C-alpha cells in the first residue's frame, strides 16, 4: 500500500520555507502533538529531523504500507494572489517536501500544496511536477479559498493535463484555524471534476461533526457521476468521523474509489471494530502498535475495501 495522506510537519529553521504562527503554536491540539512527539519550536532543526526519523521508523516497520505521500501546506493569498502572512497559520514549503522525497525515494512521494488563489499557481504546479510531485493537497477551509470558483479552472485544467490528482480536505476543519467551513462541502469540488481533474476527497467525505453526515448522499452520487472522483479513508477511525466509516462498509460498490490513508501523525483507533469484527480480528487490531498497520487491519476487519494511491500514479509517456 501507498498511504496518500501523511502530513509533513516542520518548524521554521530559516531555510526550509516553513512557518507556524504563534496562534497555532499555542493551540491545545498543536501543543498536545508537539508534546506527544517530543518536538520543540525552540529546537527547530532537531525537532524537524526527529519528526522525519520517527515517521521513517514507523513506516519501515509496517507490514502493509511501504510508501507514503508527504503533504505540504500552502498559505492564504489575498485578492491579488500574494501571500497574506497575517492570515497564514501554517506553511510547509514545497521545496522542503520535494527535498525529503528525493532523499528517501523508497519511502516518500512528494505531495505539494498549491493554493489556486496564488498568482503563479499554474507555474508553481508545472515547476513541482517537473521535480517529481505526484499530488497537490489543498485545505480550502484554512487556505481561504472556494474550490468551486470558476476562476481556478485554468489551474484544474493544468492538473488534468499533467495527470496530477488534487487531494482536498472535506468537512469541518479542527486541526488548523478555519476561515470558512462551508468550503469543505464536496460539492465545491465539481468544478475541478468537470475540468477533468482527478479529485480525491479527504476523510471519506465525512463532515467531521460526530454522527452528522450531511455529505453522505453527495458522496454516493459523485461516485456514480464522476469516474475521476475518489476519496481517501484518512482519519475515519477518529470518533468525530467514524460514522462515515460505518456507512462506507454498507456500500461495497464504492470501495474501488476509496484510497488508503491515515492522516499521520494523528492517532488511529481500533474501537470501530468492536461488535463488528471477529475476536481474532479484534485481537490483531488491539495488538497493532503501528498506525499504518492498525488502519489497514481496521479496514480489513470491517470489510471496507481500499486501493493504493499507486493505482493513480501517472503512467510515463
C-alpha atoms as a PDB file:
ATOM      1  CA  UNK A   1       0.000   0.000   0.000  1.00  0.00           C
ATOM      2  CA  UNK A   2       0.910   3.655  -0.522  1.00  0.00           C
ATOM      3  CA  UNK A   3      -0.614   5.973   2.081  1.00  0.00           C
ATOM      4  CA  UNK A   4      -1.818   9.099   0.261  1.00  0.00           C
ATOM      5  CA  UNK A   5      -2.432  11.237   3.358  1.00  0.00           C
ATOM      6  CA  UNK A   6       0.620  11.785   5.585  1.00  0.00           C
ATOM      7  CA  UNK A   7       1.377  15.244   6.902  1.00  0.00           C
ATOM      8  CA  UNK A   8       4.849  16.703   6.957  1.00  0.00           C
ATOM      9  CA  UNK A   9       5.190  18.987   9.982  1.00  0.00           C
ATOM     10  CA  UNK A  10       8.115  21.341  10.400  1.00  0.00           C
ATOM     11  CA  UNK A  11       9.193  24.373  12.365  1.00  0.00           C
ATOM     12  CA  UNK A  12      10.893  27.215  10.550  1.00  0.00           C
ATOM     13  CA  UNK A  13      14.675  26.865  10.563  1.00  0.00           C
ATOM     14  CA  UNK A  14      15.246  29.904   8.374  1.00  0.00           C
ATOM     15  CA  UNK A  15      15.859  27.808   5.251  1.00  0.00           C
ATOM     16  CA  UNK A  16      13.047  25.275   4.799  1.00  0.00           C
ATOM     17  CA  UNK A  17      10.235  27.655   3.795  1.00  0.00           C
ATOM     18  CA  UNK A  18       8.082  26.549   6.721  1.00  0.00           C
ATOM     19  CA  UNK A  19       6.177  28.634   9.250  1.00  0.00           C
ATOM     20  CA  UNK A  20       3.887  28.106  12.240  1.00  0.00           C
ATOM     21  CA  UNK A  21       2.045  31.115  13.651  1.00  0.00           C
ATOM     22  CA  UNK A  22       2.142  31.902  17.396  1.00  0.00           C
ATOM     23  CA  UNK A  23      -1.635  31.344  17.483  1.00  0.00           C
ATOM     24  CA  UNK A  24      -1.303  27.819  16.136  1.00  0.00           C
ATOM     25  CA  UNK A  25       1.715  27.045  18.301  1.00  0.00           C
ATOM     26  CA  UNK A  26      -0.315  27.865  21.413  1.00  0.00           C
ATOM     27  CA  UNK A  27      -3.417  25.896  20.375  1.00  0.00           C
ATOM     28  CA  UNK A  28      -4.263  22.876  22.587  1.00  0.00           C
ATOM     29  CA  UNK A  29      -4.100  20.351  19.729  1.00  0.00           C
ATOM     30  CA  UNK A  30      -0.746  21.578  18.456  1.00  0.00           C
ATOM     31  CA  UNK A  31       0.709  21.660  21.944  1.00  0.00           C
ATOM     32  CA  UNK A  32      -0.512  18.111  22.526  1.00  0.00           C
ATOM     33  CA  UNK A  33       1.006  16.838  19.266  1.00  0.00           C
ATOM     34  CA  UNK A  34       4.293  18.585  19.991  1.00  0.00           C
ATOM     35  CA  UNK A  35       4.396  17.016  23.444  1.00  0.00           C
ATOM     36  CA  UNK A  36       3.414  13.579  22.167  1.00  0.00           C
ATOM     37  CA  UNK A  37       6.130  13.581  19.507  1.00  0.00           C
ATOM     38  CA  UNK A  38       8.779  15.295  21.646  1.00  0.00           C
ATOM     39  CA  UNK A  39       9.079  18.344  19.399  1.00  0.00           C
ATOM     40  CA  UNK A  40      10.054  21.873  20.373  1.00  0.00           C
ATOM     41  CA  UNK A  41       9.855  25.136  18.443  1.00  0.00           C
ATOM     42  CA  UNK A  42      12.941  26.249  20.319  1.00  0.00           C
ATOM     43  CA  UNK A  43      14.975  23.474  18.674  1.00  0.00           C
ATOM     44  CA  UNK A  44      13.599  23.599  15.129  1.00  0.00           C
ATOM     45  CA  UNK A  45      16.297  21.720  13.227  1.00  0.00           C
ATOM     46  CA  UNK A  46      16.480  18.951  15.806  1.00  0.00           C
ATOM     47  CA  UNK A  47      12.695  18.662  16.003  1.00  0.00           C
ATOM     48  CA  UNK A  48      12.279  18.596  12.222  1.00  0.00           C
ATOM     49  CA  UNK A  49      14.855  15.832  11.972  1.00  0.00           C
ATOM     50  CA  UNK A  50      13.160  13.846  14.731  1.00  0.00           C
ATOM     51  CA  UNK A  51       9.743  14.107  13.066  1.00  0.00           C
ATOM     52  CA  UNK A  52      11.090  12.679   9.813  1.00  0.00           C
ATOM     53  CA  UNK A  53      13.127   9.970  11.545  1.00  0.00           C
ATOM     54  CA  UNK A  54      10.136   8.867  13.638  1.00  0.00           C
ATOM     55  CA  UNK A  55       7.969   8.696  10.516  1.00  0.00           C
ATOM     56  CA  UNK A  56      10.586   6.667   8.647  1.00  0.00           C
ATOM     57  CA  UNK A  57      10.980   4.277  11.578  1.00  0.00           C
ATOM     58  CA  UNK A  58       7.247   3.608  11.860  1.00  0.00           C
ATOM     59  CA  UNK A  59       6.822   3.277   8.103  1.00  0.00           C
ATOM     60  CA  UNK A  60       9.717   0.834   7.739  1.00  0.00           C
ATOM     61  CA  UNK A  61       8.228  -1.346  10.462  1.00  0.00           C
ATOM     62  CA  UNK A  62       4.836  -1.525   8.767  1.00  0.00           C
ATOM     63  CA  UNK A  63       3.771  -4.878   7.330  1.00  0.00           C
ATOM     64  CA  UNK A  64       1.231  -3.431   4.918  1.00  0.00           C
ATOM     65  CA  UNK A  65       2.369   0.064   3.902  1.00  0.00           C
ATOM     66  CA  UNK A  66       5.635   0.608   2.043  1.00  0.00           C
ATOM     67  CA  UNK A  67       5.423   4.239   0.943  1.00  0.00           C
ATOM     68  CA  UNK A  68       3.636   7.470   1.811  1.00  0.00           C
ATOM     69  CA  UNK A  69       2.765  10.727   0.096  1.00  0.00           C
ATOM     70  CA  UNK A  70       4.215  13.553   2.199  1.00  0.00           C
ATOM     71  CA  UNK A  71       1.870  16.538   2.205  1.00  0.00           C
ATOM     72  CA  UNK A  72       2.919  20.164   2.210  1.00  0.00           C
ATOM     73  CA  UNK A  73       0.738  23.103   3.245  1.00  0.00           C
ATOM     74  CA  UNK A  74       0.387  26.356   1.333  1.00  0.00           C
ATOM     75  CA  UNK A  75      -0.786  29.606   2.906  1.00  0.00           C
ATOM     76  CA  UNK A  76      -3.588  32.126   2.478  1.00  0.00           C
ATOM     77  CA  UNK A  77      -3.417  34.508  -0.510  1.00  0.00           C
ATOM     78  CA  UNK A  78      -5.053  37.887  -0.986  1.00  0.00           C
ATOM     79  CA  UNK A  79      -7.163  39.046  -3.924  1.00  0.00           C
ATOM     80  CA  UNK A  80      -4.035  39.951  -5.889  1.00  0.00           C
ATOM     81  CA  UNK A  81      -2.618  36.450  -5.445  1.00  0.00           C
ATOM     82  CA  UNK A  82       0.086  37.406  -2.961  1.00  0.00           C
ATOM     83  CA  UNK A  83       0.754  35.515   0.270  1.00  0.00           C
ATOM     84  CA  UNK A  84      -1.211  37.002   3.177  1.00  0.00           C
ATOM     85  CA  UNK A  85       1.185  36.383   6.039  1.00  0.00           C
ATOM     86  CA  UNK A  86      -1.156  37.808   8.659  1.00  0.00           C
ATOM     87  CA  UNK A  87      -3.842  35.221   7.849  1.00  0.00           C
ATOM     88  CA  UNK A  88      -1.489  32.288   7.288  1.00  0.00           C
ATOM     89  CA  UNK A  89      -1.092  29.984  10.278  1.00  0.00           C
ATOM     90  CA  UNK A  90       0.911  27.152   8.737  1.00  0.00           C
ATOM     91  CA  UNK A  91       3.316  26.790   5.843  1.00  0.00           C
ATOM     92  CA  UNK A  92       5.125  23.604   4.870  1.00  0.00           C
ATOM     93  CA  UNK A  93       7.161  24.557   1.816  1.00  0.00           C
ATOM     94  CA  UNK A  94       7.029  22.604  -1.429  1.00  0.00           C
ATOM     95  CA  UNK A  95      10.808  22.610  -1.780  1.00  0.00           C
ATOM     96  CA  UNK A  96      11.136  21.017   1.658  1.00  0.00           C
ATOM     97  CA  UNK A  97       8.615  18.308   0.709  1.00  0.00           C
ATOM     98  CA  UNK A  98      10.383  17.576  -2.581  1.00  0.00           C
ATOM     99  CA  UNK A  99      13.794  17.594  -0.918  1.00  0.00           C
ATOM    100  CA  UNK A 100      12.740  14.883   1.536  1.00  0.00           C
ATOM    101  CA  UNK A 101      11.066  12.835  -1.208  1.00  0.00           C
ATOM    102  CA  UNK A 102      14.274  12.962  -3.244  1.00  0.00           C
ATOM    103  CA  UNK A 103      16.350  11.970  -0.191  1.00  0.00           C
ATOM    104  CA  UNK A 104      14.110   8.968   0.621  1.00  0.00           C
ATOM    105  CA  UNK A 105      12.639   7.784  -2.701  1.00  0.00           C
ATOM    106  CA  UNK A 106      11.782   4.310  -1.403  1.00  0.00           C
ATOM    107  CA  UNK A 107       9.597   5.721   1.372  1.00  0.00           C
ATOM    108  CA  UNK A 108       8.387   9.182   0.354  1.00  0.00           C
ATOM    109  CA  UNK A 109       6.475  10.678  -2.563  1.00  0.00           C
ATOM    110  CA  UNK A 110       6.036  14.436  -2.871  1.00  0.00           C
ATOM    111  CA  UNK A 111       2.545  15.776  -2.243  1.00  0.00           C
ATOM    112  CA  UNK A 112       2.957  19.512  -2.680  1.00  0.00           C
ATOM    113  CA  UNK A 113       0.406  22.144  -1.720  1.00  0.00           C
ATOM    114  CA  UNK A 114      -0.625  24.933  -4.085  1.00  0.00           C
ATOM    115  CA  UNK A 115      -3.399  27.378  -3.261  1.00  0.00           C
ATOM    116  CA  UNK A 116      -5.057  28.114  -6.640  1.00  0.00           C
ATOM    117  CA  UNK A 117      -5.594  31.699  -5.445  1.00  0.00           C
ATOM    118  CA  UNK A 118      -1.868  32.410  -5.790  1.00  0.00           C
ATOM    119  CA  UNK A 119      -0.963  34.401  -8.882  1.00  0.00           C
ATOM    120  CA  UNK A 120       1.649  31.843 -10.005  1.00  0.00           C
ATOM    121  CA  UNK A 121      -0.413  28.729  -9.247  1.00  0.00           C
ATOM    122  CA  UNK A 122      -0.022  27.139 -12.692  1.00  0.00           C
ATOM    123  CA  UNK A 123       3.674  27.994 -12.879  1.00  0.00           C
ATOM    124  CA  UNK A 124       4.273  26.518  -9.416  1.00  0.00           C
ATOM    125  CA  UNK A 125       2.365  23.391 -10.418  1.00  0.00           C
ATOM    126  CA  UNK A 126       4.496  22.924 -13.512  1.00  0.00           C
ATOM    127  CA  UNK A 127       7.683  23.518 -11.520  1.00  0.00           C
ATOM    128  CA  UNK A 128       6.723  20.936  -8.893  1.00  0.00           C
ATOM    129  CA  UNK A 129       5.571  18.416 -11.494  1.00  0.00           C
ATOM    130  CA  UNK A 130       8.915  18.705 -13.253  1.00  0.00           C
ATOM    131  CA  UNK A 131      10.599  17.901  -9.924  1.00  0.00           C
ATOM    132  CA  UNK A 132       8.549  14.753  -9.390  1.00  0.00           C
ATOM    133  CA  UNK A 133       5.496  15.856  -7.391  1.00  0.00           C
ATOM    134  CA  UNK A 134       2.708  13.254  -7.641  1.00  0.00           C
ATOM    135  CA  UNK A 135      -0.172  15.049  -5.910  1.00  0.00           C
ATOM    136  CA  UNK A 136      -1.411  18.500  -4.894  1.00  0.00           C
ATOM    137  CA  UNK A 137      -3.036  18.890  -1.469  1.00  0.00           C
ATOM    138  CA  UNK A 138      -5.341  21.769  -0.563  1.00  0.00           C
ATOM    139  CA  UNK A 139      -7.238  22.660   2.585  1.00  0.00           C
ATOM    140  CA  UNK A 140      -9.755  25.321   1.482  1.00  0.00           C
ATOM    141  CA  UNK A 141     -11.126  25.961   4.999  1.00  0.00           C
ATOM    142  CA  UNK A 142      -7.718  27.095   6.267  1.00  0.00           C
ATOM    143  CA  UNK A 143      -6.278  28.411   2.992  1.00  0.00           C
ATOM    144  CA  UNK A 144      -9.137  30.835   2.450  1.00  0.00           C
ATOM    145  CA  UNK A 145     -10.448  29.945  -0.998  1.00  0.00           C
ATOM    146  CA  UNK A 146     -13.532  28.397  -2.573  1.00  0.00           C
ATOM    147  CA  UNK A 147     -12.559  25.371  -4.716  1.00  0.00           C
ATOM    148  CA  UNK A 148     -15.774  25.794  -6.685  1.00  0.00           C
ATOM    149  CA  UNK A 149     -14.729  29.203  -8.032  1.00  0.00           C
ATOM    150  CA  UNK A 150     -14.547  29.134 -11.836  1.00  0.00           C
ATOM    151  CA  UNK A 151     -11.500  31.418 -11.749  1.00  0.00           C
ATOM    152  CA  UNK A 152      -9.436  28.367 -10.854  1.00  0.00           C
ATOM    153  CA  UNK A 153     -10.437  26.413 -13.964  1.00  0.00           C
ATOM    154  CA  UNK A 154      -7.036  27.002 -15.681  1.00  0.00           C
ATOM    155  CA  UNK A 155      -5.316  25.503 -12.625  1.00  0.00           C
ATOM    156  CA  UNK A 156      -7.615  22.472 -12.690  1.00  0.00           C
ATOM    157  CA  UNK A 157      -7.035  22.013 -16.413  1.00  0.00           C
ATOM    158  CA  UNK A 158      -3.285  22.066 -15.779  1.00  0.00           C
ATOM    159  CA  UNK A 159      -3.680  19.363 -13.128  1.00  0.00           C
ATOM    160  CA  UNK A 160      -5.622  17.247 -15.631  1.00  0.00           C
ATOM    161  CA  UNK A 161      -3.027  17.813 -18.349  1.00  0.00           C
ATOM    162  CA  UNK A 162      -0.170  16.814 -16.027  1.00  0.00           C
ATOM    163  CA  UNK A 163      -2.185  13.873 -14.640  1.00  0.00           C
ATOM    164  CA  UNK A 164      -1.653  15.019 -11.059  1.00  0.00           C
ATOM    165  CA  UNK A 165      -4.526  14.323  -8.631  1.00  0.00           C
ATOM    166  CA  UNK A 166      -5.936  17.002  -6.349  1.00  0.00           C
ATOM    167  CA  UNK A 167      -6.412  15.908  -2.731  1.00  0.00           C
ATOM    168  CA  UNK A 168      -8.813  18.278  -0.988  1.00  0.00           C
ATOM    169  CA  UNK A 169      -9.907  18.394   2.627  1.00  0.00           C
ATOM    170  CA  UNK A 170     -13.624  17.771   3.084  1.00  0.00           C
ATOM    171  CA  UNK A 171     -15.812  18.620   6.052  1.00  0.00           C
ATOM    172  CA  UNK A 172     -15.148  20.678   9.137  1.00  0.00           C
ATOM    173  CA  UNK A 173     -11.545  21.600   9.925  1.00  0.00           C
ATOM    174  CA  UNK A 174     -10.415  21.204  13.532  1.00  0.00           C
ATOM    175  CA  UNK A 175      -6.621  20.888  13.412  1.00  0.00           C
ATOM    176  CA  UNK A 176      -5.956  24.267  11.783  1.00  0.00           C
ATOM    177  CA  UNK A 177      -7.785  27.553  12.062  1.00  0.00           C
ATOM    178  CA  UNK A 178     -10.661  27.530   9.575  1.00  0.00           C
ATOM    179  CA  UNK A 179     -11.667  30.759   7.841  1.00  0.00           C
ATOM    180  CA  UNK A 180     -14.831  29.469   6.134  1.00  0.00           C
ATOM    181  CA  UNK A 181     -16.059  25.975   6.974  1.00  0.00           C
ATOM    182  CA  UNK A 182     -18.616  25.973   4.138  1.00  0.00           C
ATOM    183  CA  UNK A 183     -15.849  25.477   1.547  1.00  0.00           C
ATOM    184  CA  UNK A 184     -15.338  21.975   2.952  1.00  0.00           C
ATOM    185  CA  UNK A 185     -18.501  20.907   1.111  1.00  0.00           C
ATOM    186  CA  UNK A 186     -17.552  18.263  -1.505  1.00  0.00           C
ATOM    187  CA  UNK A 187     -19.997  19.863  -3.947  1.00  0.00           C
ATOM    188  CA  UNK A 188     -17.400  22.617  -4.357  1.00  0.00           C
ATOM    189  CA  UNK A 189     -15.098  20.033  -5.989  1.00  0.00           C
ATOM    190  CA  UNK A 190     -17.372  19.626  -9.019  1.00  0.00           C
ATOM    191  CA  UNK A 191     -15.623  22.488 -10.821  1.00  0.00           C
ATOM    192  CA  UNK A 192     -12.311  20.597 -10.764  1.00  0.00           C
ATOM    193  CA  UNK A 193     -14.011  17.333 -11.713  1.00  0.00           C
ATOM    194  CA  UNK A 194     -15.753  18.960 -14.662  1.00  0.00           C
ATOM    195  CA  UNK A 195     -12.369  20.177 -15.911  1.00  0.00           C
ATOM    196  CA  UNK A 196     -11.061  16.598 -15.950  1.00  0.00           C
ATOM    197  CA  UNK A 197      -9.015  16.724 -12.756  1.00  0.00           C
ATOM    198  CA  UNK A 198      -8.680  13.528 -10.755  1.00  0.00           C
ATOM    199  CA  UNK A 199     -10.021  14.581  -7.354  1.00  0.00           C
ATOM    200  CA  UNK A 200      -9.521  12.812  -4.018  1.00  0.00           C
ATOM    201  CA  UNK A 201     -11.885  13.930  -1.272  1.00  0.00           C
ATOM    202  CA  UNK A 202     -10.170  13.548   2.079  1.00  0.00           C
ATOM    203  CA  UNK A 203     -11.658  11.704   5.062  1.00  0.00           C
ATOM    204  CA  UNK A 204     -14.207   9.751   3.035  1.00  0.00           C
ATOM    205  CA  UNK A 205     -16.276  12.910   2.528  1.00  0.00           C
ATOM    206  CA  UNK A 206     -17.158  12.877   6.238  1.00  0.00           C
ATOM    207  CA  UNK A 207     -18.331  16.113   7.806  1.00  0.00           C
ATOM    208  CA  UNK A 208     -16.313  15.646  10.983  1.00  0.00           C
ATOM    209  CA  UNK A 209     -19.038  16.521  13.471  1.00  0.00           C
ATOM    210  CA  UNK A 210     -19.604  13.142  15.156  1.00  0.00           C
ATOM    211  CA  UNK A 211     -22.598  11.279  13.662  1.00  0.00           C
ATOM    212  CA  UNK A 212     -23.948  14.039  11.442  1.00  0.00           C
ATOM    213  CA  UNK A 213     -23.001  13.140   7.856  1.00  0.00           C
ATOM    214  CA  UNK A 214     -24.663  15.632   5.504  1.00  0.00           C
ATOM    215  CA  UNK A 215     -22.234  14.726   2.695  1.00  0.00           C
ATOM    216  CA  UNK A 216     -23.076  11.010   2.691  1.00  0.00           C
ATOM    217  CA  UNK A 217     -25.601  11.096  -0.155  1.00  0.00           C
ATOM    218  CA  UNK A 218     -23.405  13.564  -2.029  1.00  0.00           C
ATOM    219  CA  UNK A 219     -20.510  11.107  -1.906  1.00  0.00           C
ATOM    220  CA  UNK A 220     -22.629   8.285  -3.303  1.00  0.00           C
ATOM    221  CA  UNK A 221     -23.938  10.490  -6.121  1.00  0.00           C
ATOM    222  CA  UNK A 222     -20.486  11.811  -7.041  1.00  0.00           C
ATOM    223  CA  UNK A 223     -19.003   8.312  -7.215  1.00  0.00           C
ATOM    224  CA  UNK A 224     -21.728   7.409  -9.711  1.00  0.00           C
ATOM    225  CA  UNK A 225     -21.439  10.581 -11.746  1.00  0.00           C
ATOM    226  CA  UNK A 226     -17.668  11.149 -11.924  1.00  0.00           C
ATOM    227  CA  UNK A 227     -15.201   8.396 -12.915  1.00  0.00           C
ATOM    228  CA  UNK A 228     -12.389  10.757 -11.842  1.00  0.00           C
ATOM    229  CA  UNK A 229     -13.693  11.109  -8.268  1.00  0.00           C
ATOM    230  CA  UNK A 230     -12.090   9.275  -5.341  1.00  0.00           C
ATOM    231  CA  UNK A 231     -11.983   9.591  -1.568  1.00  0.00           C
ATOM    232  CA  UNK A 232      -9.353   8.594   0.962  1.00  0.00           C
ATOM    233  CA  UNK A 233     -10.145   6.910   4.267  1.00  0.00           C
ATOM    234  CA  UNK A 234      -7.797   9.022   6.388  1.00  0.00           C
ATOM    235  CA  UNK A 235      -8.909   9.882   9.943  1.00  0.00           C
ATOM    236  CA  UNK A 236     -12.037   7.716   9.698  1.00  0.00           C
ATOM    237  CA  UNK A 237     -11.264   5.846  12.917  1.00  0.00           C
ATOM    238  CA  UNK A 238     -11.424   9.125  14.875  1.00  0.00           C
ATOM    239  CA  UNK A 239     -14.583   9.494  17.000  1.00  0.00           C
ATOM    240  CA  UNK A 240     -15.808  12.522  15.052  1.00  0.00           C
ATOM    241  CA  UNK A 241     -15.567  10.780  11.647  1.00  0.00           C
ATOM    242  CA  UNK A 242     -16.227   7.103  12.399  1.00  0.00           C
ATOM    243  CA  UNK A 243     -19.896   7.407  11.422  1.00  0.00           C
ATOM    244  CA  UNK A 244     -18.864   7.689   7.770  1.00  0.00           C
ATOM    245  CA  UNK A 245     -16.596   4.644   8.069  1.00  0.00           C
ATOM    246  CA  UNK A 246     -19.522   2.551   9.303  1.00  0.00           C
ATOM    247  CA  UNK A 247     -21.656   3.838   6.416  1.00  0.00           C
ATOM    248  CA  UNK A 248     -18.992   3.056   3.812  1.00  0.00           C
ATOM    249  CA  UNK A 249     -18.890  -0.605   4.791  1.00  0.00           C
ATOM    250  CA  UNK A 250     -22.507  -0.865   3.619  1.00  0.00           C
ATOM    251  CA  UNK A 251     -21.553   0.277   0.093  1.00  0.00           C
ATOM    252  CA  UNK A 252     -19.013  -2.129  -1.415  1.00  0.00           C
ATOM    253  CA  UNK A 253     -19.862  -0.715  -4.840  1.00  0.00           C
ATOM    254  CA  UNK A 254     -17.917   2.428  -3.836  1.00  0.00           C
ATOM    255  CA  UNK A 255     -14.819   0.688  -2.468  1.00  0.00           C
ATOM    256  CA  UNK A 256     -12.967   0.808  -5.782  1.00  0.00           C
ATOM    257  CA  UNK A 257     -12.980   4.605  -5.307  1.00  0.00           C
ATOM    258  CA  UNK A 258     -11.512   4.516  -1.801  1.00  0.00           C
ATOM    259  CA  UNK A 259      -7.792   5.096  -1.287  1.00  0.00           C
ATOM    260  CA  UNK A 260      -5.750   4.103   1.731  1.00  0.00           C
ATOM    261  CA  UNK A 261      -4.716   6.958   4.026  1.00  0.00           C
ATOM    262  CA  UNK A 262      -4.090   7.556   7.723  1.00  0.00           C
ATOM    263  CA  UNK A 263      -3.803  11.328   8.374  1.00  0.00           C
ATOM    264  CA  UNK A 264      -0.479  10.724  10.164  1.00  0.00           C
ATOM    265  CA  UNK A 265       0.562  11.995  12.729  1.00  0.00           C
ATOM    266  CA  UNK A 266      -2.984  11.751  14.110  1.00  0.00           C
ATOM    267  CA  UNK A 267      -3.859   8.600  16.015  1.00  0.00           C
ATOM    268  CA  UNK A 268      -5.566   5.521  14.588  1.00  0.00           C
ATOM    269  CA  UNK A 269      -8.129   3.823  16.833  1.00  0.00           C
ATOM    270  CA  UNK A 270      -9.364   0.247  16.917  1.00  0.00           C
ATOM    271  CA  UNK A 271     -12.747   0.801  18.572  1.00  0.00           C
ATOM    272  CA  UNK A 272     -14.678   0.980  15.246  1.00  0.00           C
ATOM    273  CA  UNK A 273     -14.292  -2.792  15.041  1.00  0.00           C
ATOM    274  CA  UNK A 274     -15.986  -3.569  18.369  1.00  0.00           C
ATOM    275  CA  UNK A 275     -19.156  -5.558  17.752  1.00  0.00           C
ATOM    276  CA  UNK A 276     -18.467  -5.583  14.016  1.00  0.00           C
ATOM    277  CA  UNK A 277     -15.263  -7.632  13.728  1.00  0.00           C
ATOM    278  CA  UNK A 278     -14.498 -11.153  14.941  1.00  0.00           C
ATOM    279  CA  UNK A 279     -12.497 -11.822  18.095  1.00  0.00           C
ATOM    280  CA  UNK A 280      -9.428 -12.896  16.150  1.00  0.00           C
ATOM    281  CA  UNK A 281      -9.573  -9.749  14.010  1.00  0.00           C
ATOM    282  CA  UNK A 282     -10.052  -7.524  17.054  1.00  0.00           C
ATOM    283  CA  UNK A 283      -7.110  -9.211  18.732  1.00  0.00           C
ATOM    284  CA  UNK A 284      -4.881  -8.330  15.778  1.00  0.00           C
ATOM    285  CA  UNK A 285      -6.150  -4.754  15.830  1.00  0.00           C
ATOM    286  CA  UNK A 286      -5.537  -4.340  19.552  1.00  0.00           C
ATOM    287  CA  UNK A 287      -2.026  -5.780  19.307  1.00  0.00           C
ATOM    288  CA  UNK A 288      -1.052  -3.448  16.459  1.00  0.00           C
ATOM    289  CA  UNK A 289       1.031  -0.515  17.657  1.00  0.00           C
ATOM    290  CA  UNK A 290       1.969   0.663  14.173  1.00  0.00           C
ATOM    291  CA  UNK A 291      -0.515   3.283  12.941  1.00  0.00           C
ATOM    292  CA  UNK A 292      -0.281   2.239   9.308  1.00  0.00           C
ATOM    293  CA  UNK A 293      -0.928  -1.393  10.169  1.00  0.00           C
ATOM    294  CA  UNK A 294      -3.742  -0.612  12.589  1.00  0.00           C
ATOM    295  CA  UNK A 295      -5.560   1.414   9.927  1.00  0.00           C
ATOM    296  CA  UNK A 296      -5.153  -1.435   7.438  1.00  0.00           C
ATOM    297  CA  UNK A 297      -6.403  -4.041   9.928  1.00  0.00           C
ATOM    298  CA  UNK A 298      -9.455  -1.990  10.950  1.00  0.00           C
ATOM    299  CA  UNK A 299     -10.476  -1.574   7.316  1.00  0.00           C
ATOM    300  CA  UNK A 300      -9.906  -5.267   6.645  1.00  0.00           C
ATOM    301  CA  UNK A 301     -11.956  -6.316   9.678  1.00  0.00           C
ATOM    302  CA  UNK A 302     -14.853  -4.062   8.660  1.00  0.00           C
ATOM    303  CA  UNK A 303     -14.784  -5.233   5.061  1.00  0.00           C
ATOM    304  CA  UNK A 304     -14.029  -1.757   3.727  1.00  0.00           C
ATOM    305  CA  UNK A 305     -12.033  -2.305   0.559  1.00  0.00           C
ATOM    306  CA  UNK A 306      -9.397   0.268  -0.370  1.00  0.00           C
ATOM    307  CA  UNK A 307      -6.927   0.795  -3.169  1.00  0.00           C
ATOM    308  CA  UNK A 308      -3.363   2.035  -3.060  1.00  0.00           C
ATOM    309  CA  UNK A 309      -2.514   5.517  -4.304  1.00  0.00           C
ATOM    310  CA  UNK A 310      -0.099   3.756  -6.646  1.00  0.00           C
ATOM    311  CA  UNK A 311      -3.076   2.934  -8.858  1.00  0.00           C
ATOM    312  CA  UNK A 312      -3.429   6.648  -9.613  1.00  0.00           C
ATOM    313  CA  UNK A 313       0.227   7.435 -10.319  1.00  0.00           C
ATOM    314  CA  UNK A 314       0.991   8.906 -13.706  1.00  0.00           C
ATOM    315  CA  UNK A 315       1.990   6.433 -16.406  1.00  0.00           C
ATOM    316  CA  UNK A 316       5.273   7.569 -18.001  1.00  0.00           C
ATOM    317  CA  UNK A 317       4.918   8.663 -21.605  1.00  0.00           C
END
